[in-house]
Amino acid sequence: MVAGTARGRRLVAPPGTDTRPTSDRVREAIFNALGSLDVVVGSAVLDLFAGSGALGIEALSRGASEATFVDLNAKAVEAIEANLATTGLVGKVIRADAHRYDDGPFDLALLDPPYATTAEQWHHLLGHLDAAFVVVESDREIALTGRWELIRSKRYGTTVVQIARRTEHS
């Protein structure tokens, strides 16, 4: 972990190549930006395509009130549960297709799907997501629908991080 109550704890990642962990540098940049927007402390966080759960765990470590982790891969779910136990943090872990998960509302959604995610899949995901803020992590800029206002976009090597605010309350 980069900062917060779980700072310095090493997290395990699920085996294989299905999970692409967010680097410490990118995770720190994401949460510094979110901190400046005051959207982490006390928030309900959704970590979709959670992988190791590092993004949601970072949010909990930095003061989020709750986190829901969603991943379809059974090994990822096991890794998230192990990482929560290691850090002493509590979250709701759900094995489900993150593209179809639509529970909510959430204050903050963290989206780090496979880079092969198509424009149509992004459109569907961002179209039904019930969150006030979203962090989109990809290998390219993602076209945000009209319901999202881009706050910032930054490239870190091969990773593009976009932070957006929902403009409608539906």
Foldseek 3Di string as FASTA:
>chain_A
DPDALQHPFDADFQDDDQDDDDDSVVLVVVVVVVVVVVQQAQWEEEEFCCGLVVNVVVSVRVHHPAYEYEEQDPSSLVRVVVRCVRSVHDYHYYRDHSLPDQDDDTAEYEDDHPQPQDLVSVCSSLVRHRYQKYKYKYQDDHDHDPQWDWPDWDDDPRIIITMTGGNDHD
